[in-house]
């Protein structure tokens, strides 16, 4: 059974920074994609950033240059460093693991950007 445990959300002022972490436990295959999605009220969940087991990275256009995704394969953990946060980044952020055709999701962590 795969579990994803997220941490690092919170309230931050515009221009501030936060770092999200997601640790995966259970049976993790050698080939996978881990990433972060977000969902704001009244909007669909969308990709923020993703990283493969070999380090290929993909970002949503809205976060390029501000967010950085990284991973630690030994710990099965992925991080999302968020800098230059804007009010429009406010959302629930969900960790995702895509492995062997199956999507696993974390419980979500709230990120609120407000003065």
Protein backbone atom coordinates (compact mmCIF):
# COMPACT_ATOMS: atom_id res chain seq x y z
CA UNK A 1 0.00 0.00 0.00
CA UNK A 2 1.41 3.36 -1.06
CA UNK A 3 1.03 6.38 1.19
CA UNK A 4 2.00 9.98 0.53
CA UNK A 5 2.55 12.32 3.45
CA UNK A 6 2.76 16.03 2.74
CA UNK A 7 4.03 18.88 4.86
CA UNK A 8 5.02 22.51 4.58
CA UNK A 9 1.90 24.45 3.69
CA UNK A 10 0.77 27.59 5.46
CA UNK A 11 0.11 31.30 5.26
CA UNK A 12 2.67 33.57 3.63
CA UNK A 13 2.73 37.16 2.42
CA UNK A 14 3.02 37.98 -1.28
CA UNK A 15 6.62 37.66 -2.39
CA UNK A 16 7.37 35.14 0.33
CA UNK A 17 8.57 31.55 0.13
CA UNK A 18 7.43 28.12 1.25
CA UNK A 19 8.78 24.63 0.79
CA UNK A 20 6.49 21.64 0.46
CA UNK A 21 7.64 18.09 1.11
CA UNK A 22 6.05 14.79 0.16
CA UNK A 23 7.33 11.46 1.42
CA UNK A 24 6.17 8.24 -0.22
CA UNK A 25 6.09 4.94 1.62
CA UNK A 26 5.18 1.43 0.59
CA UNK A 27 6.22 -0.39 -2.55
CA UNK A 28 7.83 2.13 -4.88
CA UNK A 29 8.92 0.89 -8.29
CA UNK A 30 12.06 2.15 -9.96
CA UNK A 31 10.14 4.02 -12.68
CA UNK A 32 7.74 6.71 -11.56
CA UNK A 33 6.74 10.35 -11.73
CA UNK A 34 6.16 12.41 -8.62
CA UNK A 35 4.71 15.84 -8.63
CA UNK A 36 2.49 18.52 -7.21
CA UNK A 37 -0.95 19.58 -8.32
CA UNK A 38 -3.08 22.36 -6.94
CA UNK A 39 -6.73 23.18 -6.74
CA UNK A 40 -8.16 26.59 -5.94
CA UNK A 41 -11.82 27.07 -4.96
CA UNK A 42 -14.07 26.73 -7.99
CA UNK A 43 -11.24 25.58 -10.24
CA UNK A 44 -10.04 22.25 -11.54
CA UNK A 45 -6.98 20.54 -10.15
CA UNK A 46 -3.95 21.23 -12.32
CA UNK A 47 -0.30 20.31 -12.56
CA UNK A 48 2.21 22.58 -10.84
CA UNK A 49 5.43 20.62 -11.31
CA UNK A 50 6.58 17.04 -11.74
CA UNK A 51 9.83 15.10 -11.68
CA UNK A 52 10.65 11.62 -12.95
CA UNK A 53 12.83 9.04 -11.26
CA UNK A 54 15.68 10.06 -13.58
CA UNK A 55 15.30 13.75 -12.82
CA UNK A 56 13.35 15.07 -15.81
CA UNK A 57 11.29 18.07 -14.66
CA UNK A 58 8.15 19.72 -15.96
CA UNK A 59 6.52 22.95 -14.78
CA UNK A 60 3.29 24.79 -15.37
CA UNK A 61 3.95 28.04 -17.24
CA UNK A 62 2.51 30.05 -14.35
CA UNK A 63 5.24 28.89 -11.94
CA UNK A 64 8.31 28.71 -14.18
CA UNK A 65 11.16 30.71 -12.73
CA UNK A 66 9.54 30.87 -9.29
CA UNK A 67 9.06 27.24 -8.23
CA UNK A 68 11.64 24.46 -8.18
CA UNK A 69 10.90 20.77 -7.82
CA UNK A 70 13.53 18.35 -6.58
CA UNK A 71 13.64 14.77 -5.43
CA UNK A 72 15.56 12.43 -3.18
CA UNK A 73 15.25 8.92 -4.59
CA UNK A 74 16.83 7.33 -1.52
CA UNK A 75 14.11 8.82 0.66
CA UNK A 76 11.30 8.59 -1.91
CA UNK A 77 10.67 12.25 -1.18
CA UNK A 78 9.90 15.17 -3.46
CA UNK A 79 10.17 18.84 -2.57
CA UNK A 80 8.63 21.96 -4.04
CA UNK A 81 10.45 25.18 -3.30
CA UNK A 82 8.09 28.08 -3.94
CA UNK A 83 9.55 31.57 -4.18
CA UNK A 84 7.96 34.84 -5.22
CA UNK A 85 4.54 33.62 -4.13
CA UNK A 86 1.51 35.46 -5.45
CA UNK A 87 -2.09 35.56 -4.21
CA UNK A 88 -3.09 33.52 -7.25
CA UNK A 89 -0.91 30.68 -5.95
CA UNK A 90 -3.40 30.21 -3.13
CA UNK A 91 -4.76 26.67 -3.35
CA UNK A 92 -4.71 23.23 -1.82
CA UNK A 93 -1.56 21.51 -3.04
CA UNK A 94 -1.66 17.77 -3.59
CA UNK A 95 1.27 15.43 -3.93
CA UNK A 96 0.93 12.85 -6.71
CA UNK A 97 2.78 9.64 -7.46
CA UNK A 98 2.20 8.09 -10.88
CA UNK A 99 3.50 4.55 -10.98
CA UNK A 100 2.67 1.52 -13.11
CA UNK A 101 -0.38 3.29 -14.56
CA UNK A 102 -1.83 4.18 -11.17
CA UNK A 103 -2.15 7.59 -9.53
CA UNK A 104 -1.70 7.96 -5.80
CA UNK A 105 -2.59 11.17 -3.99
CA UNK A 106 -1.69 12.83 -0.73
CA UNK A 107 -4.27 14.40 1.54
CA UNK A 108 -3.46 17.94 0.41
CA UNK A 109 -1.89 20.90 2.15
CA UNK A 110 -3.26 24.43 2.12
CA UNK A 111 -1.10 27.27 0.80
CA UNK A 112 -2.49 30.76 1.33
CA UNK A 113 -0.76 33.84 -0.02
CA UNK A 114 -2.20 36.98 1.50
CA UNK A 115 -1.16 40.20 3.16
